[in-house]
Protein backbone atom coordinates (compact mmCIF):
# COMPACT_ATOMS: atom_id res chain seq x y z
CA MET A 1 -5.45 12.73 -18.70
CA SER A 2 -4.41 16.21 -17.70
CA ASP A 3 -0.70 17.00 -17.76
CA LYS A 4 -1.08 19.57 -15.00
CA ALA A 5 1.59 18.97 -12.37
CA GLU A 6 0.65 17.92 -8.85
CA PRO A 7 2.75 18.50 -5.73
CA ASN A 8 5.46 15.90 -5.51
CA PRO A 9 5.65 14.23 -2.08
CA TYR A 10 9.40 13.94 -2.11
CA THR A 11 10.09 17.64 -1.93
CA VAL A 12 8.05 18.60 1.10
CA ARG A 13 9.48 16.05 3.49
CA PRO A 14 11.92 17.47 6.06
CA ALA A 15 14.37 14.71 5.18
CA ASP A 16 14.38 15.84 1.58
CA ALA A 17 15.41 19.40 2.15
CA GLY A 18 18.62 18.60 0.29
CA GLY A 19 20.79 19.04 3.36
CA THR A 20 22.86 22.19 2.95
CA ASP A 21 23.19 21.79 -0.82
CA PRO A 22 21.21 24.55 -2.56
CA GLU A 23 21.78 23.03 -6.02
CA LEU A 24 20.19 19.75 -4.94
CA ARG A 25 17.25 21.66 -3.48
CA ALA A 26 16.88 23.50 -6.78
CA VAL A 27 16.85 20.24 -8.75
CA GLU A 28 14.28 18.75 -6.38
CA ALA A 29 12.13 21.83 -6.86
CA GLU A 30 12.28 21.40 -10.64
CA LEU A 31 11.43 17.71 -10.37
CA ALA A 32 8.50 18.64 -8.12
CA THR A 33 6.77 20.37 -11.02
CA ARG A 34 6.32 16.99 -12.72
CA TRP A 35 3.73 14.28 -12.22
CA PRO A 36 4.36 12.44 -8.93
CA GLU A 37 4.81 8.68 -8.72
CA ASN A 38 1.22 7.98 -7.71
CA LYS A 39 -0.01 9.44 -11.01
CA LEU A 40 0.40 7.02 -13.89
CA GLU A 41 -0.15 7.23 -17.64
CA PRO A 42 0.45 3.68 -18.94
CA SER A 43 2.95 4.28 -21.71
CA ARG A 44 6.69 3.82 -22.18
CA ASP A 45 6.76 6.27 -25.11
CA ARG A 46 8.38 9.06 -23.11
CA ILE A 47 11.14 7.02 -21.47
CA GLU A 48 11.84 5.18 -24.74
CA ALA A 49 12.17 8.52 -26.54
CA LEU A 50 14.63 9.74 -23.90
CA MET A 51 16.67 6.56 -24.15
CA ASP A 52 16.81 6.96 -27.94
CA ILE A 53 18.11 10.52 -27.64
CA LEU A 54 20.70 9.49 -25.01
CA GLY A 55 21.97 6.62 -27.18
CA GLN A 56 20.39 3.72 -25.26
CA PRO A 57 22.57 3.92 -22.12
CA GLN A 58 20.54 1.16 -20.44
CA ARG A 59 21.86 -1.34 -22.99
CA SER A 60 25.53 -0.74 -22.17
CA TYR A 61 25.50 -3.09 -19.15
CA PRO A 62 23.67 -6.28 -18.12
CA SER A 63 20.89 -5.94 -15.57
CA ILE A 64 18.76 -7.74 -13.02
CA HIS A 65 15.17 -6.47 -12.88
CA ILE A 66 12.99 -6.80 -9.75
CA THR A 67 9.24 -6.54 -9.33
CA GLY A 68 6.64 -7.73 -6.81
CA THR A 69 4.50 -6.15 -4.11
CA ASN A 70 6.78 -6.18 -1.07
CA GLY A 71 10.43 -7.02 -0.48
CA LYS A 72 11.78 -5.47 -3.67
CA THR A 73 14.19 -3.01 -2.07
CA SER A 74 15.55 -5.49 0.49
CA THR A 75 16.06 -8.06 -2.27
CA ALA A 76 17.77 -5.46 -4.45
CA ARG A 77 20.15 -4.57 -1.62
CA MET A 78 21.00 -8.23 -1.07
CA ILE A 79 21.65 -8.77 -4.78
CA GLU A 80 23.86 -5.69 -4.81
CA GLN A 81 25.86 -6.98 -1.82
CA LEU A 82 26.32 -10.40 -3.40
CA LEU A 83 27.47 -8.99 -6.74
CA GLY A 84 29.86 -6.64 -4.96
CA ALA A 85 31.39 -9.61 -3.11
CA PHE A 86 32.41 -10.95 -6.51
CA GLU A 87 34.14 -7.66 -7.36
CA LEU A 88 31.54 -6.39 -9.79
CA ARG A 89 30.79 -2.69 -9.91
CA THR A 90 27.08 -2.27 -9.31
CA GLY A 91 24.46 0.34 -9.96
CA ARG A 92 21.24 0.08 -7.97
CA TYR A 93 18.01 1.92 -8.70
CA THR A 94 15.28 1.65 -6.06
CA SER A 95 12.23 3.59 -4.93
CA PRO A 96 10.82 5.28 -3.00
CA HIS A 97 13.64 6.73 -0.95
CA VAL A 98 13.64 6.79 2.83
CA GLU A 99 15.37 10.12 3.49
CA SER A 100 17.11 11.66 0.47
CA VAL A 101 16.29 11.43 -3.21
CA THR A 102 19.95 10.61 -3.88
CA GLU A 103 19.37 7.17 -2.30
CA ARG A 104 17.50 6.07 -5.39
CA ILE A 105 20.65 5.93 -7.52
CA SER A 106 23.50 4.00 -5.91
CA LEU A 107 26.94 3.06 -7.16
CA ASP A 108 28.93 0.31 -5.45
CA GLY A 109 26.42 0.16 -2.62
CA ALA A 110 26.34 3.86 -1.74
CA PRO A 111 23.96 6.63 -2.86
CA ILE A 112 25.49 8.99 -5.38
CA SER A 113 26.60 12.31 -3.97
CA ALA A 114 24.41 15.39 -4.15
CA GLU A 115 26.94 16.88 -6.57
CA ARG A 116 26.77 13.89 -8.90
CA PHE A 117 22.99 13.79 -8.69
CA VAL A 118 22.83 17.43 -9.79
CA GLU A 119 25.39 16.89 -12.56
CA THR A 120 23.45 13.91 -13.90
CA TYR A 121 20.21 15.87 -13.88
CA ARG A 122 21.77 18.82 -15.69
CA ASP A 123 23.28 16.46 -18.27
CA VAL A 124 19.94 14.89 -19.18
CA GLU A 125 17.74 17.96 -18.62
CA PRO A 126 17.98 19.38 -22.19
CA TYR A 127 16.99 16.02 -23.65
CA VAL A 128 14.14 15.63 -21.16
CA ARG A 129 12.77 18.97 -22.33
CA MET A 130 13.01 17.78 -25.94
CA VAL A 131 10.87 14.76 -25.03
CA ASP A 132 8.45 17.00 -23.11
CA ALA A 133 7.97 19.14 -26.19
CA ALA A 134 7.40 16.16 -28.49
CA GLN A 135 4.97 14.17 -26.32
CA PRO A 136 1.33 14.85 -25.38
CA VAL A 137 2.26 14.44 -21.69
CA ALA A 138 5.50 15.69 -20.14
CA MET A 139 7.86 13.22 -18.49
CA SER A 140 6.99 12.35 -14.90
CA PHE A 141 9.17 12.63 -11.80
CA PHE A 142 9.83 8.88 -11.86
CA GLU A 143 10.56 8.77 -15.59
CA VAL A 144 13.17 11.51 -15.31
CA LEU A 145 14.84 9.79 -12.35
CA THR A 146 14.86 6.51 -14.26
CA GLY A 147 16.58 8.17 -17.20
CA MET A 148 19.08 9.73 -14.82
CA ALA A 149 19.84 6.36 -13.24
CA TYR A 150 20.45 4.64 -16.55
CA ALA A 151 22.66 7.50 -17.71
CA ALA A 152 24.63 7.51 -14.43
CA PHE A 153 25.20 3.76 -14.63
CA ALA A 154 26.52 4.04 -18.19
CA ASP A 155 28.75 6.95 -17.24
CA ALA A 156 30.24 5.18 -14.19
CA PRO A 157 30.42 2.61 -15.87
CA VAL A 158 28.88 -0.28 -13.95
CA ASP A 159 29.33 -4.00 -14.56
CA VAL A 160 25.70 -4.74 -13.73
CA ALA A 161 22.59 -2.75 -12.81
CA VAL A 162 20.11 -3.90 -10.17
CA VAL A 163 16.80 -2.22 -10.99
CA GLU A 164 13.59 -2.16 -8.97
CA VAL A 165 10.37 -1.27 -10.77
CA GLY A 166 8.40 1.72 -9.58
CA MET A 167 4.94 0.22 -10.00
CA GLY A 168 3.80 -2.87 -11.83
CA GLY A 169 6.10 -3.98 -14.63
CA THR A 170 4.94 -3.93 -18.25
CA TRP A 171 4.34 -0.18 -18.42
CA ASP A 172 6.83 0.81 -15.76
CA ALA A 173 9.46 3.30 -16.90
CA THR A 174 12.24 0.95 -15.81
CA ASN A 175 11.07 -1.67 -18.31
CA VAL A 176 13.22 -0.40 -21.17
CA ILE A 177 16.06 -2.65 -20.01
CA ASP A 178 16.55 -6.12 -21.44
CA ALA A 179 17.34 -7.92 -18.20
CA GLN A 180 18.73 -11.44 -18.44
CA VAL A 181 17.41 -12.14 -14.93
CA ALA A 182 13.94 -11.09 -13.71
CA VAL A 183 13.04 -11.39 -10.03
CA ILE A 184 9.42 -11.48 -8.85
CA THR A 185 8.94 -11.12 -5.10
CA PRO A 186 5.61 -12.16 -3.48
CA ILE A 187 2.61 -10.49 -5.10
CA GLY A 188 -0.16 -9.11 -2.91
CA LEU A 189 -2.91 -6.52 -3.25
CA ASP A 190 -1.60 -2.97 -3.60
CA HIS A 191 -2.24 -0.19 -6.13
CA THR A 192 -5.39 -2.13 -7.06
CA ASP A 193 -6.90 0.91 -8.78
CA LYS A 194 -4.02 0.86 -11.27
CA LEU A 195 -2.86 -2.77 -11.43
CA GLY A 196 -5.99 -4.84 -10.83
CA ASP A 197 -8.08 -6.11 -7.94
CA THR A 198 -6.76 -9.69 -7.79
CA THR A 199 -3.24 -11.05 -7.44
CA GLY A 200 -3.68 -12.75 -10.80
CA LYS A 201 -4.45 -9.47 -12.57
CA ILE A 202 -1.54 -7.77 -10.82
CA ALA A 203 0.76 -10.63 -11.84
CA VAL A 204 -0.10 -10.04 -15.50
CA GLU A 205 1.31 -6.52 -15.23
CA LYS A 206 4.29 -7.44 -13.08
CA SER A 207 5.38 -10.43 -15.18
CA GLY A 208 5.85 -8.04 -18.09
CA ILE A 209 9.45 -7.56 -16.97
CA VAL A 210 10.23 -11.17 -18.01
CA LYS A 211 11.96 -10.86 -21.38
CA PRO A 212 12.45 -13.44 -24.14
CA GLY A 213 15.03 -16.03 -23.15
CA ALA A 214 15.46 -14.61 -19.64
CA LEU A 215 15.51 -16.54 -16.40
CA ALA A 216 12.72 -15.58 -13.99
CA VAL A 217 13.44 -16.12 -10.30
CA VAL A 218 10.03 -16.31 -8.66
CA ALA A 219 9.02 -16.24 -4.99
CA GLN A 220 6.17 -18.40 -3.71
CA GLN A 221 2.93 -16.92 -5.03
CA GLN A 222 -0.83 -17.20 -4.80
CA LEU A 223 -2.08 -19.73 -7.36
CA ASP A 224 -3.62 -17.19 -9.73
CA ALA A 225 -0.43 -15.10 -9.70
CA ALA A 226 1.77 -18.15 -10.29
CA GLU A 227 -0.37 -19.17 -13.27
CA GLN A 228 0.01 -15.78 -14.92
CA ILE A 229 3.78 -15.70 -14.37
CA LEU A 230 4.17 -19.16 -15.89
CA ARG A 231 1.95 -18.15 -18.81
CA ARG A 232 4.19 -15.16 -19.50
CA ALA A 233 7.30 -17.35 -19.32
CA VAL A 234 5.86 -19.73 -21.90
CA GLU A 235 4.92 -16.84 -24.19
CA VAL A 236 8.46 -15.45 -24.25
CA ASP A 237 10.33 -18.74 -23.93
CA ALA A 238 11.81 -17.81 -20.56
CA THR A 239 13.05 -20.22 -17.91
CA VAL A 240 11.45 -20.14 -14.46
CA ALA A 241 13.12 -20.94 -11.14
CA ARG A 242 10.52 -21.24 -8.36
CA GLU A 243 11.05 -20.81 -4.65
CA GLY A 244 10.40 -24.09 -2.88
CA MET A 245 11.26 -26.11 -5.98
CA GLU A 246 14.45 -25.02 -7.76
CA PHE A 247 15.72 -22.99 -4.77
CA GLY A 248 14.62 -21.86 -1.34
CA VAL A 249 15.06 -21.63 2.41
CA LEU A 250 15.87 -25.00 3.95
CA ARG A 251 16.30 -23.96 7.58
CA ARG A 252 16.21 -20.81 9.63
CA GLU A 253 16.49 -19.89 13.29
CA VAL A 254 16.31 -16.64 15.20
CA ALA A 255 19.69 -15.25 16.24
CA ILE A 256 20.77 -12.16 18.13
CA GLY A 257 20.43 -9.24 15.75
CA GLY A 258 18.98 -11.30 12.92
CA GLN A 259 18.74 -14.93 11.85
CA LEU A 260 20.75 -17.93 10.68
CA VAL A 261 19.57 -19.51 7.44
CA THR A 262 20.51 -22.40 5.23
CA LEU A 263 19.65 -21.77 1.58
CA ARG A 264 19.49 -24.13 -1.37
CA GLY A 265 20.72 -22.63 -4.61
CA LEU A 266 19.85 -23.29 -8.24
CA GLY A 267 22.59 -25.91 -8.58
CA GLY A 268 21.30 -27.84 -5.57
CA HIS A 269 24.12 -26.67 -3.28
CA GLU A 270 23.26 -25.94 0.35
CA TYR A 271 24.74 -22.73 1.71
CA GLN A 272 24.92 -23.53 5.41
CA ASP A 273 24.32 -21.25 8.41
CA LEU A 274 24.38 -17.85 6.73
CA PHE A 275 23.80 -14.93 9.11
CA ILE A 276 21.41 -12.22 7.92
CA PRO A 277 21.19 -9.13 10.17
CA LEU A 278 17.49 -8.70 9.35
CA HIS A 279 14.41 -10.08 11.06
CA GLY A 280 11.59 -12.22 9.75
CA ASP A 281 10.84 -15.16 7.52
CA HIS A 282 10.21 -12.75 4.66
CA GLN A 283 13.83 -11.55 4.82
CA ALA A 284 15.06 -15.15 4.65
CA GLN A 285 12.91 -15.59 1.55
CA ASN A 286 14.31 -12.36 0.13
CA ALA A 287 17.82 -13.74 0.70
CA ALA A 288 16.93 -16.94 -1.14
CA LEU A 289 15.58 -14.90 -4.06
CA ALA A 290 18.69 -12.70 -4.13
CA LEU A 291 21.05 -15.66 -4.03
CA ALA A 292 19.18 -17.44 -6.83
CA ALA A 293 19.18 -14.25 -8.92
CA VAL A 294 22.94 -13.86 -8.59
CA GLU A 295 23.48 -17.55 -9.30
CA ALA A 296 21.36 -17.16 -12.43
CA PHE A 297 23.38 -14.11 -13.44
CA PHE A 298 26.57 -16.18 -13.21
CA GLY A 299 25.01 -19.19 -14.95
CA ILE A 300 24.84 -21.46 -11.91
CA GLY A 301 22.49 -24.38 -12.44
CA GLN A 302 22.61 -23.98 -16.20
CA GLY A 303 25.27 -26.53 -16.97
CA GLY A 304 28.17 -24.66 -15.39
CA ALA A 305 29.44 -24.51 -11.80
CA GLU A 306 27.15 -25.83 -9.08
CA HIS A 307 27.50 -22.99 -6.61
CA LEU A 308 29.07 -19.67 -5.75
CA ASP A 309 32.00 -19.24 -3.39
CA GLU A 310 30.27 -19.86 -0.07
CA GLU A 311 32.54 -17.62 1.98
CA LYS A 312 31.86 -14.66 -0.31
CA VAL A 313 28.13 -15.33 -0.04
CA ARG A 314 28.44 -15.50 3.74
CA GLN A 315 30.32 -12.19 3.98
CA ALA A 316 27.91 -10.46 1.59
CA LEU A 317 24.75 -11.41 3.48
CA PHE A 318 26.40 -10.59 6.80
CA GLY A 319 26.82 -7.01 5.57
CA VAL A 320 23.27 -6.48 4.29
CA SER A 321 21.21 -3.61 5.63
CA SER A 322 17.70 -2.44 4.79
CA PRO A 323 16.85 0.90 6.43
CA GLY A 324 13.29 1.24 7.63
CA ARG A 325 12.61 -2.50 7.55
CA LEU A 326 12.15 -3.61 11.19
CA GLU A 327 14.98 -1.23 12.02
CA VAL A 328 15.71 -0.67 15.71
CA VAL A 329 16.52 3.00 16.33
CA ARG A 330 16.28 3.17 20.13
CA ARG A 331 16.41 0.99 23.23
CA SER A 332 14.60 1.35 26.58
CA PRO A 333 11.98 1.32 25.28
CA THR A 334 12.80 -0.30 21.96
CA VAL A 335 11.57 1.72 18.98
CA ILE A 336 11.25 -0.12 15.66
CA LEU A 337 10.64 1.47 12.26
CA ASP A 338 8.97 -0.55 9.53
CA ALA A 339 7.79 0.72 6.16
CA ALA A 340 4.79 -1.64 5.86
CA HIS A 341 2.14 0.25 3.90
CA ASN A 342 -0.29 -2.47 2.84
CA PRO A 343 -1.82 -5.56 4.49
CA HIS A 344 0.65 -7.89 2.78
CA GLY A 345 3.62 -6.00 4.20
CA ALA A 346 1.94 -5.65 7.59
CA GLN A 347 1.50 -9.43 7.83
CA ALA A 348 5.22 -9.95 7.28
CA ALA A 349 6.14 -7.28 9.82
CA ALA A 350 3.71 -8.56 12.46
CA ALA A 351 4.96 -12.14 12.13
CA ALA A 352 8.59 -11.04 12.35
CA ILE A 353 7.98 -8.89 15.43
CA GLY A 354 6.26 -11.77 17.18
CA GLU A 355 9.17 -14.05 16.37
CA ALA A 356 12.16 -11.79 17.03
CA PHE A 357 11.01 -9.53 19.88
CA GLY A 358 9.56 -10.56 23.22
CA PHE A 359 7.48 -7.45 23.81
CA THR A 360 5.07 -7.50 26.73
CA LYS A 361 3.42 -4.40 25.30
CA LEU A 362 3.74 -2.83 21.86
CA VAL A 363 2.46 0.64 21.00
CA GLY A 364 1.96 1.66 17.38
CA VAL A 365 2.61 5.02 15.76
CA ILE A 366 0.76 4.98 12.46
CA ALA A 367 0.62 7.47 9.59
CA THR A 368 -0.42 6.29 6.14
CA SER A 369 -1.00 7.54 2.64
CA GLY A 370 -4.57 8.18 1.62
CA ASP A 371 -4.59 5.79 -1.32
CA LYS A 372 -3.84 2.61 0.64
CA ASP A 373 -5.96 -0.16 2.17
CA VAL A 374 -5.72 1.42 5.61
CA THR A 375 -8.44 -0.70 7.19
CA GLY A 376 -6.73 -3.88 6.05
CA LEU A 377 -3.37 -2.69 7.37
CA LEU A 378 -4.79 -1.74 10.78
CA GLU A 379 -6.67 -5.05 11.06
CA VAL A 380 -3.41 -6.94 10.59
CA PHE A 381 -1.64 -4.92 13.28
CA GLU A 382 -4.57 -4.91 15.77
CA PRO A 383 -3.69 -8.22 17.50
CA ILE A 384 -0.11 -7.18 18.27
CA LEU A 385 -0.63 -3.51 19.24
CA ALA A 386 -1.91 -2.73 22.71
CA GLU A 387 -2.53 0.91 21.78
CA VAL A 388 -2.00 3.13 18.75
CA VAL A 389 -1.08 6.78 18.34
CA ILE A 390 -2.50 8.07 15.07
CA THR A 391 -0.60 10.83 13.31
CA GLN A 392 0.18 12.24 9.87
CA ASN A 393 3.35 12.59 7.80
CA SER A 394 4.18 15.79 5.98
CA THR A 395 3.23 14.99 2.40
CA HIS A 396 0.12 15.90 0.46
CA ARG A 397 -0.53 12.17 -0.04
CA ALA A 398 -0.91 11.57 3.69
CA MET A 399 -4.28 10.45 4.97
CA PRO A 400 -5.66 13.28 7.14
CA VAL A 401 -5.18 12.45 10.80
CA ASP A 402 -8.88 12.77 11.67
CA ARG A 403 -9.90 10.39 8.91
CA LEU A 404 -7.22 7.86 9.87
CA ALA A 405 -8.22 8.14 13.53
CA ALA A 406 -11.85 7.38 12.67
CA ILE A 407 -10.79 4.18 10.91
CA ALA A 408 -8.49 3.27 13.80
CA VAL A 409 -11.33 3.66 16.32
CA GLU A 410 -13.43 1.23 14.26
CA VAL A 411 -10.62 -1.33 14.34
CA PHE A 412 -9.10 -0.83 17.81
CA GLY A 413 -11.89 0.78 19.81
CA GLU A 414 -11.84 4.29 21.17
CA ASP A 415 -9.98 3.41 24.39
CA ARG A 416 -6.92 2.17 22.47
CA VAL A 417 -6.56 5.15 20.11
CA GLN A 418 -4.75 8.41 20.77
CA VAL A 419 -4.33 11.21 18.21
CA GLU A 420 -1.27 13.44 17.80
CA PRO A 421 -1.20 15.41 14.52
CA ARG A 422 2.61 15.87 14.58
CA LEU A 423 4.85 12.83 14.11
CA ASP A 424 7.38 13.91 16.74
CA ASP A 425 4.62 14.38 19.31
CA ALA A 426 3.14 11.02 18.34
CA ILE A 427 6.44 9.23 18.91
CA ASP A 428 6.88 10.96 22.28
CA ALA A 429 3.36 9.92 23.28
CA ALA A 430 3.96 6.32 22.24
CA VAL A 431 7.24 6.17 24.16
CA THR A 432 5.41 7.48 27.25
CA LEU A 433 2.73 4.81 26.87
CA ALA A 434 5.38 2.12 26.46
CA GLU A 435 7.27 3.32 29.54
CA GLU A 436 4.12 2.81 31.61
CA GLU A 437 4.80 -0.93 31.37
CA ASP A 438 6.04 -1.65 34.90
CA LEU A 439 7.91 -4.84 34.02
CA GLY A 440 9.74 -3.37 31.06
CA GLY A 441 9.76 -5.24 27.76
CA ALA A 442 7.57 -2.67 26.03
CA GLY A 443 8.23 -1.29 22.58
CA VAL A 444 7.07 1.16 19.94
CA LEU A 445 6.43 0.40 16.27
CA VAL A 446 6.42 3.33 13.82
CA THR A 447 4.81 2.24 10.56
CA GLY A 448 2.28 2.85 7.79
CA SER A 449 4.39 4.42 5.07
CA VAL A 450 7.93 4.67 3.74
CA ILE A 451 7.53 8.43 4.07
CA THR A 452 6.55 8.13 7.74
CA VAL A 453 9.55 5.92 8.42
CA GLY A 454 11.88 8.30 6.60
CA GLU A 455 10.72 11.23 8.69
CA ALA A 456 11.03 9.16 11.87
CA ARG A 457 14.59 8.18 10.92
CA LEU A 458 15.41 11.87 10.62
CA LEU A 459 13.95 12.53 14.07
CA PHE A 460 16.12 9.76 15.52
CA GLY A 461 19.22 11.07 13.75
CA ARG A 462 19.69 7.96 11.61
CA LYS A 463 21.65 8.05 8.35
């Protein structure tokens, strides 16, 4: 593989201009010279070498490791909130970011400051260059950020790190931690060119985060994926807690601004009527995963206490947020942002919209990356979208608007497709189409990519 750098998508987005901080912009420019996240060389040699030079910072705190296809970031945020409710100092590492690269490294529930991000980068930069010089391929954008996160968490210091994989599991740069709890969210088809073309093959890669003696908290899976996860657990003598068996969602009902759920934990305790300010059955499942992961971290269901303090759990979930996940950013007409970027995520979003919103007409604004199953994503959304406005986000990974429009015409028909190359114009056009609904009750859904949602959040002035 060539080590020639490609443009990094996270430095050309308007939301990533680094605000007014020139030092942050300079660091982002340096990171942009490295391989982007969609370019993968399956090896942990580089990140392991950096950790060795830095003195293994990732081993100075316990961790919870999260993989899966969709729901990882929401689950990570819920775990972070729950741990914080029990007065633990948390570090959270997630990707990709919605608006600013600093979001990827959070301490106590908040992104690190631009100043701290720059300081952390400058601290590790000399050692990164040592690794670059010693390895056949220089460290990638994601590998450097992972090293920065682990160093920042050790420097803080944190009581526990909540770490989301970048892609896959076994060969992911994050997988140099020895997490006592591994969380596997639902596995679907995504990154099939790199991870495999069946959920079973993808599960082989993702289950690589399950370490010897760990406890794996596993969402409901397709049969072939479940088989591979269980096989990995047997190989490394790990314990498995399965959604729907050892824990899960017992009841849920739609509520204003979210949903009320009753969850069963690992010790069999029922946590009654918890309010989650997020929409959709998938978010209830994410909450069950997060609760089970935190229970496992504290040893619940392993011969100790039977449950966590229910009031602390209630307060933690009440305060959860997940930007860009069915996020309402405007009313009259209602505009929703959702970062669904594959058919699996689109199915969850479509079901949640149908359940939580009574739209009489819904217009889509869609911009995707070029390496996704765009046809599959559009086919999922077709039944719920009256019309679509096809556009393009600002990164080099974006699918060209003409190509995306051609696919959309095949799925929706020419009469239901409008093209606006600029995202701001596309949103304006969709709002106009929604406002044509005489009886009101119309809405706009902006979706297709985390990058698209991040740029839309910037346009709507969200932070």
